[in-house]
Amino acid sequence: MNEYYVEWMIERKLPAALAVIRVAMIVLTVLVFICSFLFFPLGAVIGFLMVIVDAALMLFKTLEYEFIFVGDDLMIDRIFNRSFRRRAYKCAMKDVEIAAPEGSDRLKDHDRVKPEKSYRFTSRQEGSACWVLYICEENAGGRRVRLCIEPDKALLNAIRLTVSPRNYFTD
Protein backbone atom coordinates (compact mmCIF):
# COMPACT_ATOMS: atom_id res chain seq x y z
CA MET A 1 0.00 0.00 0.00
CA ASN A 2 1.23 3.49 -0.79
CA GLU A 3 2.08 5.70 2.16
CA TYR A 4 1.71 9.45 1.81
CA TYR A 5 3.26 12.16 3.94
CA VAL A 6 2.31 15.79 3.34
CA GLU A 7 2.67 18.85 5.56
CA TRP A 8 0.95 22.15 4.86
CA MET A 9 0.71 25.23 7.06
CA ILE A 10 -1.46 28.32 6.71
CA GLU A 11 -1.75 31.41 8.89
CA ARG A 12 -5.23 32.47 9.86
CA LYS A 13 -6.11 36.10 9.42
CA LEU A 14 -7.33 37.40 12.76
CA PRO A 15 -10.42 39.60 12.73
CA ALA A 16 -9.91 43.37 12.84
CA ALA A 17 -12.27 43.55 15.81
CA LEU A 18 -9.75 41.59 17.88
CA ALA A 19 -7.04 44.18 17.20
CA VAL A 20 -9.41 46.96 18.25
CA ILE A 21 -10.29 45.05 21.44
CA ARG A 22 -6.60 44.60 22.27
CA VAL A 23 -5.85 48.30 21.87
CA ALA A 24 -8.94 49.24 23.89
CA MET A 25 -7.94 46.86 26.70
CA ILE A 26 -4.43 48.33 26.89
CA VAL A 27 -5.78 51.91 26.95
CA LEU A 28 -8.33 50.94 29.60
CA THR A 29 -5.62 49.29 31.71
CA VAL A 30 -3.47 52.44 31.59
CA LEU A 31 -6.46 54.60 32.53
CA VAL A 32 -7.33 52.33 35.48
CA PHE A 33 -3.74 52.56 36.75
CA ILE A 34 -3.69 56.34 36.45
CA CYS A 35 -7.06 56.74 38.17
CA SER A 36 -6.17 54.26 40.90
CA PHE A 37 -3.01 56.13 41.84
CA LEU A 38 -4.79 59.49 41.82
CA PHE A 39 -8.14 58.66 43.43
CA PHE A 40 -8.43 55.09 44.72
CA PRO A 41 -5.24 53.24 45.75
CA LEU A 42 -6.95 49.85 45.99
CA GLY A 43 -7.92 50.18 42.33
CA ALA A 44 -4.36 49.15 41.48
CA VAL A 45 -5.42 45.56 42.19
CA ILE A 46 -7.97 45.85 39.37
CA GLY A 47 -5.20 47.29 37.18
CA PHE A 48 -2.93 44.31 37.87
CA LEU A 49 -5.76 41.92 37.05
CA MET A 50 -6.30 43.77 33.79
CA VAL A 51 -2.57 43.43 32.99
CA ILE A 52 -2.97 39.65 33.35
CA VAL A 53 -5.97 39.68 30.98
CA ASP A 54 -4.00 41.81 28.50
CA ALA A 55 -1.10 39.34 28.63
CA ALA A 56 -3.50 36.46 28.00
CA LEU A 57 -4.91 38.27 24.95
CA MET A 58 -1.39 38.78 23.61
CA LEU A 59 -0.70 35.04 23.81
CA PHE A 60 -3.13 34.49 20.94
CA LYS A 61 -1.50 37.04 18.67
CA THR A 62 -1.08 34.69 15.71
CA LEU A 63 -2.87 31.49 14.83
CA GLU A 64 -1.65 28.97 12.28
CA TYR A 65 -3.10 25.68 11.12
CA GLU A 66 -0.80 22.80 10.23
CA PHE A 67 -2.20 19.96 8.15
CA ILE A 68 -0.29 16.70 8.43
CA PHE A 69 -1.33 13.86 6.17
CA VAL A 70 0.29 10.53 7.04
CA GLY A 71 -0.78 7.27 5.43
CA ASP A 72 -4.56 7.37 5.73
CA ASP A 73 -4.87 9.97 8.51
CA LEU A 74 -5.35 13.73 8.33
CA MET A 75 -4.27 15.59 11.47
CA ILE A 76 -4.84 19.30 11.98
CA ASP A 77 -2.96 21.25 14.65
CA ARG A 78 -3.49 24.80 15.87
CA ILE A 79 -0.28 26.71 16.54
CA PHE A 80 -0.55 29.82 18.72
CA ASN A 81 2.22 32.46 18.46
CA ARG A 82 4.43 29.98 16.59
CA SER A 83 5.22 28.24 19.88
CA PHE A 84 2.20 26.49 21.41
CA ARG A 85 0.70 23.55 19.51
CA ARG A 86 -2.67 21.92 20.13
CA ARG A 87 -4.27 19.06 18.15
CA ALA A 88 -7.51 20.40 16.67
CA TYR A 89 -8.81 17.43 14.70
CA LYS A 90 -7.83 14.00 13.42
CA CYS A 91 -9.67 11.81 10.95
CA ALA A 92 -9.13 8.73 8.81
CA MET A 93 -9.76 9.02 5.10
CA LYS A 94 -11.84 5.82 5.13
CA ASP A 95 -14.51 7.78 7.04
CA VAL A 96 -14.80 10.55 4.41
CA GLU A 97 -18.19 10.53 2.71
CA ILE A 98 -17.45 13.30 0.22
CA ALA A 99 -14.66 15.76 -0.59
CA ALA A 100 -15.45 18.69 -2.88
CA PRO A 101 -14.72 22.40 -3.26
CA GLU A 102 -16.85 24.70 -1.14
CA GLY A 103 -19.94 25.78 -3.06
CA SER A 104 -19.96 22.69 -5.27
CA ASP A 105 -23.30 21.28 -6.43
CA ARG A 106 -22.18 17.85 -5.19
CA LEU A 107 -22.44 19.05 -1.58
CA LYS A 108 -26.14 19.96 -1.78
CA ASP A 109 -27.38 16.58 -0.53
CA HIS A 110 -24.95 16.64 2.39
CA ASP A 111 -25.67 20.28 3.26
CA ARG A 112 -29.33 19.44 3.88
CA VAL A 113 -28.46 17.17 6.82
CA LYS A 114 -27.07 19.22 9.70
CA PRO A 115 -23.79 17.73 10.98
CA GLU A 116 -23.20 17.32 14.70
CA LYS A 117 -19.89 19.19 14.48
CA SER A 118 -18.55 21.70 12.00
CA TYR A 119 -14.92 22.83 11.82
CA ARG A 120 -13.35 25.55 9.68
CA PHE A 121 -9.56 25.49 9.35
CA THR A 122 -8.93 28.20 6.76
CA SER A 123 -6.97 31.42 6.51
CA ARG A 124 -10.20 33.43 6.05
CA GLN A 125 -8.59 35.33 3.19
CA GLU A 126 -10.70 36.52 0.28
CA GLY A 127 -10.48 34.24 -2.74
CA SER A 128 -8.90 31.28 -0.95
CA ALA A 129 -9.79 27.84 -2.29
CA CYS A 130 -11.63 26.00 0.47
CA TRP A 131 -12.60 22.33 0.36
CA VAL A 132 -15.33 20.64 2.36
CA LEU A 133 -15.09 17.09 3.68
CA TYR A 134 -18.11 15.39 5.20
CA ILE A 135 -16.98 12.70 7.58
CA CYS A 136 -18.90 9.96 9.36
CA GLU A 137 -16.75 9.05 12.36
CA GLU A 138 -17.20 5.33 12.94
CA ASN A 139 -15.25 5.37 16.23
CA ALA A 140 -17.59 8.10 17.60
CA GLY A 141 -20.83 6.24 16.97
CA GLY A 142 -21.36 7.51 13.44
CA ARG A 143 -21.12 11.19 14.32
CA ARG A 144 -21.30 13.41 11.20
CA VAL A 145 -18.68 16.15 10.88
CA ARG A 146 -18.32 18.94 8.32
CA LEU A 147 -14.68 19.87 7.86
CA CYS A 148 -13.71 22.94 5.82
CA ILE A 149 -9.99 23.16 4.99
CA GLU A 150 -7.70 25.16 2.73
CA PRO A 151 -5.29 22.61 1.21
CA ASP A 152 -2.44 22.99 -1.24
CA LYS A 153 -1.99 20.82 -4.35
CA ALA A 154 0.11 18.14 -2.62
CA LEU A 155 -2.44 17.72 0.17
CA LEU A 156 -5.31 17.61 -2.35
CA ASN A 157 -3.46 14.97 -4.33
CA ALA A 158 -2.91 12.84 -1.21
CA ILE A 159 -6.60 13.15 -0.30
CA ARG A 160 -7.62 12.28 -3.86
CA LEU A 161 -5.45 9.17 -3.86
CA THR A 162 -6.70 7.88 -0.50
CA VAL A 163 -10.41 8.75 -0.67
CA SER A 164 -12.65 6.50 -2.72
CA PRO A 165 -12.96 7.89 -6.30
CA ARG A 166 -16.74 8.06 -5.98
CA ASN A 167 -16.36 10.41 -2.97
CA TYR A 168 -13.90 12.94 -4.46
CA PHE A 169 -15.12 15.67 -6.80
CA THR A 170 -13.29 18.61 -8.36
CA ASP A 171 -16.34 20.53 -9.62
C-alpha atoms as a PDB file:
ATOM      1  CA  MET A   1       0.000   0.000   0.000  1.00  0.00           C
ATOM      2  CA  ASN A   2       1.226   3.492  -0.790  1.00  0.00           C
ATOM      3  CA  GLU A   3       2.083   5.698   2.159  1.00  0.00           C
ATOM      4  CA  TYR A   4       1.708   9.453   1.814  1.00  0.00           C
ATOM      5  CA  TYR A   5       3.260  12.163   3.941  1.00  0.00           C
ATOM      6  CA  VAL A   6       2.308  15.786   3.338  1.00  0.00           C
ATOM      7  CA  GLU A   7       2.674  18.848   5.557  1.00  0.00           C
ATOM      8  CA  TRP A   8       0.953  22.149   4.859  1.00  0.00           C
ATOM      9  CA  MET A   9       0.710  25.227   7.058  1.00  0.00           C
ATOM     10  CA  ILE A  10      -1.464  28.324   6.711  1.00  0.00           C
ATOM     11  CA  GLU A  11      -1.748  31.408   8.890  1.00  0.00           C
ATOM     12  CA  ARG A  12      -5.231  32.472   9.861  1.00  0.00           C
ATOM     13  CA  LYS A  13      -6.107  36.101   9.418  1.00  0.00           C
ATOM     14  CA  LEU A  14      -7.326  37.398  12.760  1.00  0.00           C
ATOM     15  CA  PRO A  15     -10.416  39.597  12.734  1.00  0.00           C
ATOM     16  CA  ALA A  16      -9.907  43.369  12.837  1.00  0.00           C
ATOM     17  CA  ALA A  17     -12.273  43.553  15.806  1.00  0.00           C
ATOM     18  CA  LEU A  18      -9.752  41.586  17.880  1.00  0.00           C
ATOM     19  CA  ALA A  19      -7.045  44.176  17.197  1.00  0.00           C
ATOM     20  CA  VAL A  20      -9.411  46.956  18.250  1.00  0.00           C
ATOM     21  CA  ILE A  21     -10.294  45.053  21.439  1.00  0.00           C
ATOM     22  CA  ARG A  22      -6.603  44.595  22.268  1.00  0.00           C
ATOM     23  CA  VAL A  23      -5.848  48.300  21.867  1.00  0.00           C
ATOM     24  CA  ALA A  24      -8.945  49.238  23.888  1.00  0.00           C
ATOM     25  CA  MET A  25      -7.936  46.864  26.695  1.00  0.00           C
ATOM     26  CA  ILE A  26      -4.430  48.335  26.894  1.00  0.00           C
ATOM     27  CA  VAL A  27      -5.785  51.908  26.949  1.00  0.00           C
ATOM     28  CA  LEU A  28      -8.331  50.943  29.602  1.00  0.00           C
ATOM     29  CA  THR A  29      -5.616  49.292  31.715  1.00  0.00           C
ATOM     30  CA  VAL A  30      -3.468  52.439  31.591  1.00  0.00           C
ATOM     31  CA  LEU A  31      -6.461  54.602  32.533  1.00  0.00           C
ATOM     32  CA  VAL A  32      -7.328  52.330  35.475  1.00  0.00           C
ATOM     33  CA  PHE A  33      -3.744  52.564  36.752  1.00  0.00           C
ATOM     34  CA  ILE A  34      -3.686  56.344  36.448  1.00  0.00           C
ATOM     35  CA  CYS A  35      -7.063  56.744  38.173  1.00  0.00           C
ATOM     36  CA  SER A  36      -6.172  54.258  40.902  1.00  0.00           C
ATOM     37  CA  PHE A  37      -3.008  56.127  41.843  1.00  0.00           C
ATOM     38  CA  LEU A  38      -4.793  59.492  41.817  1.00  0.00           C
ATOM     39  CA  PHE A  39      -8.142  58.659  43.434  1.00  0.00           C
ATOM     40  CA  PHE A  40      -8.427  55.089  44.719  1.00  0.00           C
ATOM     41  CA  PRO A  41      -5.241  53.241  45.747  1.00  0.00           C
ATOM     42  CA  LEU A  42      -6.951  49.846  45.993  1.00  0.00           C
ATOM     43  CA  GLY A  43      -7.918  50.184  42.332  1.00  0.00           C
ATOM     44  CA  ALA A  44      -4.360  49.146  41.480  1.00  0.00           C
ATOM     45  CA  VAL A  45      -5.424  45.557  42.186  1.00  0.00           C
ATOM     46  CA  ILE A  46      -7.966  45.852  39.374  1.00  0.00           C
ATOM     47  CA  GLY A  47      -5.205  47.290  37.175  1.00  0.00           C
ATOM     48  CA  PHE A  48      -2.933  44.313  37.871  1.00  0.00           C
ATOM     49  CA  LEU A  49      -5.764  41.916  37.053  1.00  0.00           C
ATOM     50  CA  MET A  50      -6.297  43.773  33.788  1.00  0.00           C
ATOM     51  CA  VAL A  51      -2.573  43.429  32.988  1.00  0.00           C
ATOM     52  CA  ILE A  52      -2.967  39.653  33.354  1.00  0.00           C
ATOM     53  CA  VAL A  53      -5.967  39.681  30.982  1.00  0.00           C
ATOM     54  CA  ASP A  54      -3.998  41.811  28.500  1.00  0.00           C
ATOM     55  CA  ALA A  55      -1.100  39.343  28.626  1.00  0.00           C
ATOM     56  CA  ALA A  56      -3.502  36.455  27.999  1.00  0.00           C
ATOM     57  CA  LEU A  57      -4.905  38.271  24.945  1.00  0.00           C
ATOM     58  CA  MET A  58      -1.391  38.785  23.610  1.00  0.00           C
ATOM     59  CA  LEU A  59      -0.703  35.041  23.806  1.00  0.00           C
ATOM     60  CA  PHE A  60      -3.126  34.493  20.940  1.00  0.00           C
ATOM     61  CA  LYS A  61      -1.504  37.045  18.670  1.00  0.00           C
ATOM     62  CA  THR A  62      -1.077  34.694  15.709  1.00  0.00           C
ATOM     63  CA  LEU A  63      -2.872  31.490  14.828  1.00  0.00           C
ATOM     64  CA  GLU A  64      -1.652  28.972  12.278  1.00  0.00           C
ATOM     65  CA  TYR A  65      -3.097  25.678  11.121  1.00  0.00           C
ATOM     66  CA  GLU A  66      -0.795  22.804  10.228  1.00  0.00           C
ATOM     67  CA  PHE A  67      -2.197  19.965   8.150  1.00  0.00           C
ATOM     68  CA  ILE A  68      -0.290  16.698   8.435  1.00  0.00           C
ATOM     69  CA  PHE A  69      -1.334  13.865   6.166  1.00  0.00           C
ATOM     70  CA  VAL A  70       0.285  10.532   7.041  1.00  0.00           C
ATOM     71  CA  GLY A  71      -0.777   7.266   5.434  1.00  0.00           C
ATOM     72  CA  ASP A  72      -4.561   7.368   5.733  1.00  0.00           C
ATOM     73  CA  ASP A  73      -4.871   9.969   8.506  1.00  0.00           C
ATOM     74  CA  LEU A  74      -5.350  13.730   8.334  1.00  0.00           C
ATOM     75  CA  MET A  75      -4.266  15.589  11.470  1.00  0.00           C
ATOM     76  CA  ILE A  76      -4.838  19.298  11.982  1.00  0.00           C
ATOM     77  CA  ASP A  77      -2.964  21.246  14.655  1.00  0.00           C
ATOM     78  CA  ARG A  78      -3.495  24.799  15.870  1.00  0.00           C
ATOM     79  CA  ILE A  79      -0.279  26.709  16.544  1.00  0.00           C
ATOM     80  CA  PHE A  80      -0.549  29.816  18.718  1.00  0.00           C
ATOM     81  CA  ASN A  81       2.220  32.455  18.456  1.00  0.00           C
ATOM     82  CA  ARG A  82       4.426  29.979  16.595  1.00  0.00           C
ATOM     83  CA  SER A  83       5.223  28.235  19.881  1.00  0.00           C
ATOM     84  CA  PHE A  84       2.203  26.492  21.409  1.00  0.00           C
ATOM     85  CA  ARG A  85       0.697  23.545  19.509  1.00  0.00           C
ATOM     86  CA  ARG A  86      -2.665  21.917  20.125  1.00  0.00           C
ATOM     87  CA  ARG A  87      -4.272  19.061  18.148  1.00  0.00           C
ATOM     88  CA  ALA A  88      -7.513  20.404  16.673  1.00  0.00           C
ATOM     89  CA  TYR A  89      -8.810  17.432  14.697  1.00  0.00           C
ATOM     90  CA  LYS A  90      -7.829  14.001  13.422  1.00  0.00           C
ATOM     91  CA  CYS A  91      -9.672  11.806  10.948  1.00  0.00           C
ATOM     92  CA  ALA A  92      -9.134   8.729   8.814  1.00  0.00           C
ATOM     93  CA  MET A  93      -9.759   9.019   5.096  1.00  0.00           C
ATOM     94  CA  LYS A  94     -11.836   5.822   5.132  1.00  0.00           C
ATOM     95  CA  ASP A  95     -14.512   7.780   7.042  1.00  0.00           C
ATOM     96  CA  VAL A  96     -14.798  10.555   4.408  1.00  0.00           C
ATOM     97  CA  GLU A  97     -18.190  10.526   2.710  1.00  0.00           C
ATOM     98  CA  ILE A  98     -17.448  13.303   0.219  1.00  0.00           C
ATOM     99  CA  ALA A  99     -14.660  15.760  -0.586  1.00  0.00           C
ATOM    100  CA  ALA A 100     -15.450  18.689  -2.877  1.00  0.00           C
ATOM    101  CA  PRO A 101     -14.718  22.404  -3.256  1.00  0.00           C
ATOM    102  CA  GLU A 102     -16.848  24.697  -1.136  1.00  0.00           C
ATOM    103  CA  GLY A 103     -19.944  25.775  -3.058  1.00  0.00           C
ATOM    104  CA  SER A 104     -19.957  22.688  -5.272  1.00  0.00           C
ATOM    105  CA  ASP A 105     -23.301  21.275  -6.430  1.00  0.00           C
ATOM    106  CA  ARG A 106     -22.181  17.846  -5.195  1.00  0.00           C
ATOM    107  CA  LEU A 107     -22.437  19.050  -1.581  1.00  0.00           C
ATOM    108  CA  LYS A 108     -26.140  19.959  -1.777  1.00  0.00           C
ATOM    109  CA  ASP A 109     -27.380  16.580  -0.532  1.00  0.00           C
ATOM    110  CA  HIS A 110     -24.946  16.638   2.386  1.00  0.00           C
ATOM    111  CA  ASP A 111     -25.674  20.283   3.264  1.00  0.00           C
ATOM    112  CA  ARG A 112     -29.331  19.443   3.884  1.00  0.00           C
ATOM    113  CA  VAL A 113     -28.462  17.169   6.815  1.00  0.00           C
ATOM    114  CA  LYS A 114     -27.070  19.216   9.697  1.00  0.00           C
ATOM    115  CA  PRO A 115     -23.793  17.732  10.980  1.00  0.00           C
ATOM    116  CA  GLU A 116     -23.200  17.315  14.700  1.00  0.00           C
ATOM    117  CA  LYS A 117     -19.891  19.194  14.482  1.00  0.00           C
ATOM    118  CA  SER A 118     -18.553  21.701  11.996  1.00  0.00           C
ATOM    119  CA  TYR A 119     -14.919  22.827  11.825  1.00  0.00           C
ATOM    120  CA  ARG A 120     -13.351  25.546   9.676  1.00  0.00           C
ATOM    121  CA  PHE A 121      -9.559  25.485   9.352  1.00  0.00           C
ATOM    122  CA  THR A 122      -8.929  28.198   6.762  1.00  0.00           C
ATOM    123  CA  SER A 123      -6.967  31.424   6.513  1.00  0.00           C
ATOM    124  CA  ARG A 124     -10.200  33.427   6.049  1.00  0.00           C
ATOM    125  CA  GLN A 125      -8.589  35.333   3.193  1.00  0.00           C
ATOM    126  CA  GLU A 126     -10.705  36.518   0.277  1.00  0.00           C
ATOM    127  CA  GLY A 127     -10.481  34.243  -2.740  1.00  0.00           C
ATOM    128  CA  SER A 128      -8.898  31.280  -0.949  1.00  0.00           C
ATOM    129  CA  ALA A 129      -9.793  27.843  -2.294  1.00  0.00           C
ATOM    130  CA  CYS A 130     -11.633  25.995   0.470  1.00  0.00           C
ATOM    131  CA  TRP A 131     -12.599  22.328   0.356  1.00  0.00           C
ATOM    132  CA  VAL A 132     -15.333  20.638   2.355  1.00  0.00           C
ATOM    133  CA  LEU A 133     -15.090  17.092   3.683  1.00  0.00           C
ATOM    134  CA  TYR A 134     -18.115  15.387   5.197  1.00  0.00           C
ATOM    135  CA  ILE A 135     -16.976  12.702   7.581  1.00  0.00           C
ATOM    136  CA  CYS A 136     -18.901   9.963   9.357  1.00  0.00           C
ATOM    137  CA  GLU A 137     -16.748   9.054  12.358  1.00  0.00           C
ATOM    138  CA  GLU A 138     -17.197   5.335  12.936  1.00  0.00           C
ATOM    139  CA  ASN A 139     -15.255   5.372  16.231  1.00  0.00           C
ATOM    140  CA  ALA A 140     -17.591   8.103  17.598  1.00  0.00           C
ATOM    141  CA  GLY A 141     -20.827   6.239  16.970  1.00  0.00           C
ATOM    142  CA  GLY A 142     -21.365   7.511  13.442  1.00  0.00           C
ATOM    143  CA  ARG A 143     -21.119  11.195  14.318  1.00  0.00           C
ATOM    144  CA  ARG A 144     -21.300  13.411  11.203  1.00  0.00           C
ATOM    145  CA  VAL A 145     -18.676  16.146  10.884  1.00  0.00           C
ATOM    146  CA  ARG A 146     -18.322  18.937   8.316  1.00  0.00           C
ATOM    147  CA  LEU A 147     -14.677  19.872   7.862  1.00  0.00           C
ATOM    148  CA  CYS A 148     -13.706  22.938   5.822  1.00  0.00           C
ATOM    149  CA  ILE A 149      -9.995  23.155   4.992  1.00  0.00           C
ATOM    150  CA  GLU A 150      -7.700  25.158   2.729  1.00  0.00           C
ATOM    151  CA  PRO A 151      -5.293  22.610   1.210  1.00  0.00           C
ATOM    152  CA  ASP A 152      -2.435  22.989  -1.237  1.00  0.00           C
ATOM    153  CA  LYS A 153      -1.988  20.820  -4.349  1.00  0.00           C
ATOM    154  CA  ALA A 154       0.112  18.145  -2.621  1.00  0.00           C
ATOM    155  CA  LEU A 155      -2.442  17.719   0.172  1.00  0.00           C
ATOM    156  CA  LEU A 156      -5.306  17.607  -2.345  1.00  0.00           C
ATOM    157  CA  ASN A 157      -3.456  14.970  -4.328  1.00  0.00           C
ATOM    158  CA  ALA A 158      -2.912  12.836  -1.214  1.00  0.00           C
ATOM    159  CA  ILE A 159      -6.602  13.155  -0.297  1.00  0.00           C
ATOM    160  CA  ARG A 160      -7.616  12.284  -3.863  1.00  0.00           C
ATOM    161  CA  LEU A 161      -5.453   9.169  -3.862  1.00  0.00           C
ATOM    162  CA  THR A 162      -6.703   7.875  -0.503  1.00  0.00           C
ATOM    163  CA  VAL A 163     -10.408   8.745  -0.672  1.00  0.00           C
ATOM    164  CA  SER A 164     -12.651   6.499  -2.725  1.00  0.00           C
ATOM    165  CA  PRO A 165     -12.956   7.894  -6.296  1.00  0.00           C
ATOM    166  CA  ARG A 166     -16.744   8.063  -5.976  1.00  0.00           C
ATOM    167  CA  ASN A 167     -16.358  10.415  -2.966  1.00  0.00           C
ATOM    168  CA  TYR A 168     -13.899  12.939  -4.460  1.00  0.00           C
ATOM    169  CA  PHE A 169     -15.120  15.673  -6.804  1.00  0.00           C
ATOM    170  CA  THR A 170     -13.294  18.610  -8.357  1.00  0.00           C
ATOM    171  CA  ASP A 171     -16.337  20.529  -9.617  1.00  0.00           C
END
